[in-house]
Amino acid sequence: MTDFTPLQSLLGGALIGLSAVLLMALHGRIAGMTGILTGVIPPLSADWQWRAVFLAGAIAAPLLLVLAGKQIPFSVPVPTAALVVGGFLVGIGVHFGGGCPSGHGICGIARLSPRSFVAVATFMATAFVTVFIIRHVMGG
């Protein structure tokens, strides 16, 4: 069961949106996490510095909450092998979809990109079918 946290969710969504807007306004770049990560893996891209800072912020934010005394409930209800397989499948989708879910979902839809609307609909439909099969067909 997932806790209902509307205020935290609203704040988190607003901060993600703000970071995407600032990245586009200040650097002309789309905030797709896979593309940002790719630029800091050797060979480094020419603009690797802002990418490293963006990723550091994504890592530091929850660490700052922990240091401030907040307990972050975090559990992964699936085996590590399932996470690895899922990550591999997402990577294949990123390659063939021309971008990751965050890039298409946050930035692409905001720019009214038809390709992003199709990509997000495909991600969501696949997620719905996967959850249905795992929970109701396989009994997981």
Protein backbone atom coordinates (compact mmCIF):
# COMPACT_ATOMS: atom_id res chain seq x y z
CA MET A 1 0.00 0.00 0.00
CA THR A 2 1.23 3.47 -0.85
CA ASP A 3 0.60 6.38 1.50
CA PHE A 4 -1.52 9.26 0.21
CA THR A 5 0.74 12.32 0.38
CA PRO A 6 -0.85 15.09 -1.70
CA LEU A 7 1.17 18.02 -0.33
CA GLN A 8 4.53 16.30 -0.68
CA SER A 9 3.55 15.07 -4.14
CA LEU A 10 2.46 18.55 -5.22
CA LEU A 11 5.69 20.10 -3.93
CA GLY A 12 7.81 17.40 -5.57
CA GLY A 13 5.99 17.80 -8.89
CA ALA A 14 6.35 21.59 -8.74
CA LEU A 15 10.10 21.29 -8.10
CA ILE A 16 10.52 18.83 -10.96
CA GLY A 17 8.58 21.17 -13.26
CA LEU A 18 10.59 24.17 -12.10
CA SER A 19 13.88 22.38 -12.73
CA ALA A 20 12.71 21.37 -16.21
CA VAL A 21 11.66 24.95 -17.03
CA LEU A 22 14.91 26.41 -15.71
CA LEU A 23 17.02 23.89 -17.62
CA MET A 24 15.16 24.71 -20.84
CA ALA A 25 15.24 28.47 -20.24
CA LEU A 26 18.87 28.70 -19.15
CA HIS A 27 20.49 25.97 -21.24
CA GLY A 28 17.98 25.13 -23.98
CA ARG A 29 18.07 21.49 -22.87
CA ILE A 30 15.37 18.93 -22.10
CA ALA A 31 15.35 17.42 -18.61
CA GLY A 32 15.39 13.77 -19.61
CA MET A 33 17.33 11.85 -16.97
CA THR A 34 18.70 9.25 -19.38
CA GLY A 35 20.09 11.88 -21.73
CA ILE A 36 21.55 13.83 -18.81
CA LEU A 37 23.19 10.69 -17.41
CA THR A 38 24.58 9.71 -20.81
CA GLY A 39 26.50 13.01 -20.96
CA VAL A 40 28.50 12.27 -17.79
CA ILE A 41 29.49 8.72 -18.74
CA PRO A 42 32.80 8.63 -20.65
CA PRO A 43 33.35 9.86 -23.20
CA LEU A 44 32.06 13.01 -21.53
CA SER A 45 29.92 15.39 -23.54
CA ALA A 46 31.13 18.94 -24.07
CA ASP A 47 28.53 20.22 -21.59
CA TRP A 48 29.07 17.56 -18.90
CA GLN A 49 29.35 20.11 -16.06
CA TRP A 50 25.68 21.12 -15.87
CA ARG A 51 24.70 17.47 -16.29
CA ALA A 52 26.85 16.48 -13.29
CA VAL A 53 25.37 19.29 -11.18
CA PHE A 54 21.80 18.30 -12.16
CA LEU A 55 22.44 14.65 -11.21
CA ALA A 56 24.18 15.68 -7.98
CA GLY A 57 21.09 17.66 -7.03
CA ALA A 58 18.85 14.67 -7.72
CA ILE A 59 21.03 12.56 -5.43
CA ALA A 60 21.60 15.22 -2.76
CA ALA A 61 17.94 16.18 -2.23
CA PRO A 62 16.87 12.99 -0.44
CA LEU A 63 20.18 12.89 1.45
CA LEU A 64 19.51 16.40 2.76
CA LEU A 65 16.09 15.29 3.98
CA VAL A 66 17.68 12.40 5.88
CA LEU A 67 20.25 14.76 7.41
CA ALA A 68 17.40 17.07 8.45
CA GLY A 69 15.93 14.19 10.43
CA LYS A 70 13.19 13.16 8.01
CA GLN A 71 12.57 9.45 7.64
CA ILE A 72 12.13 8.48 4.01
CA PRO A 73 10.16 5.25 3.78
CA PHE A 74 11.76 3.27 1.01
CA SER A 75 11.28 -0.33 0.14
CA VAL A 76 11.62 -2.32 -3.03
CA PRO A 77 9.09 -5.15 -3.09
CA VAL A 78 10.75 -7.06 -5.94
CA PRO A 79 13.95 -9.08 -6.23
CA THR A 80 17.13 -7.40 -7.51
CA ALA A 81 17.04 -9.56 -10.66
CA ALA A 82 13.62 -8.11 -11.53
CA LEU A 83 15.01 -4.58 -11.14
CA VAL A 84 17.92 -5.40 -13.45
CA VAL A 85 15.62 -6.92 -16.09
CA GLY A 86 13.23 -3.97 -15.77
CA GLY A 87 16.08 -1.48 -16.12
CA PHE A 88 17.34 -3.29 -19.21
CA LEU A 89 13.87 -3.23 -20.78
CA VAL A 90 13.48 0.47 -20.01
CA GLY A 91 16.88 1.09 -21.61
CA ILE A 92 15.72 -0.65 -24.78
CA GLY A 93 12.56 1.46 -24.75
CA VAL A 94 14.60 4.64 -24.27
CA HIS A 95 16.72 3.76 -27.27
CA PHE A 96 13.83 2.95 -29.60
CA GLY A 97 11.52 5.64 -28.16
CA GLY A 98 14.02 8.43 -28.74
CA GLY A 99 14.04 9.49 -25.11
CA CYS A 100 13.19 8.48 -21.58
CA PRO A 101 9.88 8.71 -19.73
CA SER A 102 10.95 11.86 -17.86
CA GLY A 103 12.01 13.65 -21.04
CA HIS A 104 8.85 12.73 -22.93
CA GLY A 105 6.48 12.97 -19.97
CA ILE A 106 7.65 16.21 -18.42
CA CYS A 107 9.19 18.18 -21.25
CA GLY A 108 7.76 16.63 -24.41
CA ILE A 109 4.13 16.88 -23.38
CA ALA A 110 4.69 20.42 -22.08
CA ARG A 111 5.98 21.33 -25.56
CA LEU A 112 2.94 19.58 -27.14
CA SER A 113 5.19 17.14 -28.99
CA PRO A 114 3.04 14.55 -30.82
CA ARG A 115 5.89 12.03 -30.53
CA SER A 116 5.93 12.50 -26.75
CA PHE A 117 2.16 12.02 -26.47
CA VAL A 118 2.51 8.69 -28.31
CA ALA A 119 5.55 7.69 -26.23
CA VAL A 120 3.85 8.47 -22.90
CA ALA A 121 0.66 6.66 -23.95
CA THR A 122 2.81 3.66 -24.86
CA PHE A 123 4.71 3.78 -21.53
CA MET A 124 1.48 4.01 -19.57
CA ALA A 125 -0.35 1.29 -21.48
CA THR A 126 2.63 -1.03 -21.08
CA ALA A 127 2.80 -0.27 -17.34
CA PHE A 128 -0.93 -0.94 -16.90
CA VAL A 129 -0.72 -4.27 -18.75
CA THR A 130 2.44 -5.29 -16.87
CA VAL A 131 0.94 -4.55 -13.44
CA PHE A 132 -2.27 -6.36 -14.37
CA ILE A 133 -0.40 -9.46 -15.54
CA ILE A 134 1.96 -9.55 -12.55
CA ARG A 135 -0.70 -8.92 -9.91
CA HIS A 136 -3.77 -10.61 -11.32
CA VAL A 137 -2.56 -13.29 -13.73
CA MET A 138 0.69 -14.38 -12.10
CA GLY A 139 -0.54 -13.62 -8.58
CA GLY A 140 2.41 -11.43 -7.56
